[in-house]
Amino acid sequence: MRIELEVALYYLTHKSTVRECALIFQKSKSTIHNYLHKRLKKINPKLYKKVSVQAQLNFNKKHLKGGATTKLKHQYSLF
């Protein structure tokens, strides 16, 4: 199986992020992003559409995760 398909299937089944896939597959975030958004579109357009939906969900949640992390950071700071 091609690495792009492997990454895409992992991304969808685990509902993970590009960063998590990069850790699992020991590749950089930009490489994983290229696999999911550039190469996959040419290899398997149907799977690409599913990945795009998951990517949009992750993008929409991004500000929530960042806000929660910042809140925790300031909550436990000594200042």
C-alpha atoms as a PDB file:
ATOM      1  CA  MET A   1       0.000   0.000   0.000  1.00  0.00           C
ATOM      2  CA  ARG A   2       1.237   3.486  -0.789  1.00  0.00           C
ATOM      3  CA  ILE A   3       2.270   5.630   2.159  1.00  0.00           C
ATOM      4  CA  GLU A   4      -0.233   8.328   1.179  1.00  0.00           C
ATOM      5  CA  LEU A   5      -3.129   5.860   1.471  1.00  0.00           C
ATOM      6  CA  GLU A   6      -1.797   4.480   4.727  1.00  0.00           C
ATOM      7  CA  VAL A   7      -1.566   7.954   6.244  1.00  0.00           C
ATOM      8  CA  ALA A   8      -5.023   8.909   4.966  1.00  0.00           C
ATOM      9  CA  LEU A   9      -6.631   5.782   6.412  1.00  0.00           C
ATOM     10  CA  TYR A  10      -4.933   6.335   9.765  1.00  0.00           C
ATOM     11  CA  TYR A  11      -5.968   9.997   9.722  1.00  0.00           C
ATOM     12  CA  LEU A  12      -9.610   9.087   9.137  1.00  0.00           C
ATOM     13  CA  THR A  13      -9.953   6.020  11.355  1.00  0.00           C
ATOM     14  CA  HIS A  14      -8.296   7.662  14.367  1.00  0.00           C
ATOM     15  CA  LYS A  15      -9.701  11.145  13.630  1.00  0.00           C
ATOM     16  CA  SER A  16      -6.214  12.405  14.276  1.00  0.00           C
ATOM     17  CA  THR A  17      -4.405  15.582  13.327  1.00  0.00           C
ATOM     18  CA  VAL A  18      -1.564  16.119  10.890  1.00  0.00           C
ATOM     19  CA  ARG A  19       0.759  16.539  13.876  1.00  0.00           C
ATOM     20  CA  GLU A  20      -0.302  13.186  15.365  1.00  0.00           C
ATOM     21  CA  CYS A  21       0.156  11.439  12.009  1.00  0.00           C
ATOM     22  CA  ALA A  22       3.609  12.974  11.699  1.00  0.00           C
ATOM     23  CA  LEU A  23       4.598  11.457  15.048  1.00  0.00           C
ATOM     24  CA  ILE A  24       3.180   8.026  14.199  1.00  0.00           C
ATOM     25  CA  PHE A  25       4.723   7.832  10.718  1.00  0.00           C
ATOM     26  CA  GLN A  26       7.952   9.624  11.746  1.00  0.00           C
ATOM     27  CA  LYS A  27       7.644  12.234   9.010  1.00  0.00           C
ATOM     28  CA  SER A  28       7.473  16.006   9.157  1.00  0.00           C
ATOM     29  CA  LYS A  29       4.127  17.794   9.376  1.00  0.00           C
ATOM     30  CA  SER A  30       4.681  19.322   5.943  1.00  0.00           C
ATOM     31  CA  THR A  31       5.325  15.879   4.410  1.00  0.00           C
ATOM     32  CA  ILE A  32       2.125  14.492   5.943  1.00  0.00           C
ATOM     33  CA  HIS A  33       0.236  17.568   4.741  1.00  0.00           C
ATOM     34  CA  ASN A  34       1.547  17.012   1.206  1.00  0.00           C
ATOM     35  CA  TYR A  35       0.528  13.354   1.351  1.00  0.00           C
ATOM     36  CA  LEU A  36      -2.999  14.238   2.453  1.00  0.00           C
ATOM     37  CA  HIS A  37      -3.677  17.306   0.334  1.00  0.00           C
ATOM     38  CA  LYS A  38      -1.590  17.160  -2.813  1.00  0.00           C
ATOM     39  CA  ARG A  39      -0.686  13.559  -3.633  1.00  0.00           C
ATOM     40  CA  LEU A  40      -3.871  11.929  -2.343  1.00  0.00           C
ATOM     41  CA  LYS A  41      -5.996  14.158  -4.587  1.00  0.00           C
ATOM     42  CA  LYS A  42      -4.333  12.571  -7.637  1.00  0.00           C
ATOM     43  CA  ILE A  43      -4.230   9.020  -6.271  1.00  0.00           C
ATOM     44  CA  ASN A  44      -7.718   8.642  -4.776  1.00  0.00           C
ATOM     45  CA  PRO A  45     -10.122  11.590  -5.172  1.00  0.00           C
ATOM     46  CA  LYS A  46     -12.913   9.963  -3.116  1.00  0.00           C
ATOM     47  CA  LEU A  47     -10.624   9.385  -0.149  1.00  0.00           C
ATOM     48  CA  TYR A  48      -9.265  12.913  -0.585  1.00  0.00           C
ATOM     49  CA  LYS A  49     -12.775  14.332  -0.115  1.00  0.00           C
ATOM     50  CA  LYS A  50     -13.183  12.429   3.158  1.00  0.00           C
ATOM     51  CA  VAL A  51      -9.787  13.640   4.354  1.00  0.00           C
ATOM     52  CA  SER A  52     -10.731  17.207   3.442  1.00  0.00           C
ATOM     53  CA  VAL A  53     -13.845  17.007   5.617  1.00  0.00           C
ATOM     54  CA  GLN A  54     -11.788  15.745   8.581  1.00  0.00           C
ATOM     55  CA  ALA A  55      -9.165  18.437   7.962  1.00  0.00           C
ATOM     56  CA  GLN A  56     -11.864  21.124   8.018  1.00  0.00           C
ATOM     57  CA  LEU A  57     -13.215  19.757  11.309  1.00  0.00           C
ATOM     58  CA  ASN A  58      -9.705  19.857  12.775  1.00  0.00           C
ATOM     59  CA  PHE A  59      -9.244  23.395  11.500  1.00  0.00           C
ATOM     60  CA  ASN A  60     -12.525  24.497  13.080  1.00  0.00           C
ATOM     61  CA  LYS A  61     -11.484  23.009  16.460  1.00  0.00           C
ATOM     62  CA  LYS A  62      -7.971  24.456  16.374  1.00  0.00           C
ATOM     63  CA  HIS A  63      -8.801  27.730  18.130  1.00  0.00           C
ATOM     64  CA  LEU A  64     -10.590  25.848  20.914  1.00  0.00           C
ATOM     65  CA  LYS A  65      -7.565  23.683  21.676  1.00  0.00           C
ATOM     66  CA  GLY A  66      -5.258  26.677  21.629  1.00  0.00           C
ATOM     67  CA  GLY A  67      -7.553  28.651  23.920  1.00  0.00           C
ATOM     68  CA  ALA A  68      -7.773  25.807  26.434  1.00  0.00           C
ATOM     69  CA  THR A  69      -4.001  25.399  26.486  1.00  0.00           C
ATOM     70  CA  THR A  70      -3.454  29.121  27.018  1.00  0.00           C
ATOM     71  CA  LYS A  71      -6.009  29.149  29.813  1.00  0.00           C
ATOM     72  CA  LEU A  72      -4.213  26.295  31.591  1.00  0.00           C
ATOM     73  CA  LYS A  73      -0.872  27.982  31.093  1.00  0.00           C
ATOM     74  CA  HIS A  74      -2.025  31.205  32.744  1.00  0.00           C
ATOM     75  CA  GLN A  75      -4.047  29.433  35.404  1.00  0.00           C
ATOM     76  CA  TYR A  76      -0.985  27.706  36.813  1.00  0.00           C
ATOM     77  CA  SER A  77       1.586  30.450  36.253  1.00  0.00           C
ATOM     78  CA  LEU A  78       3.249  32.040  39.262  1.00  0.00           C
ATOM     79  CA  PHE A  79       2.603  35.587  38.128  1.00  0.00           C
END
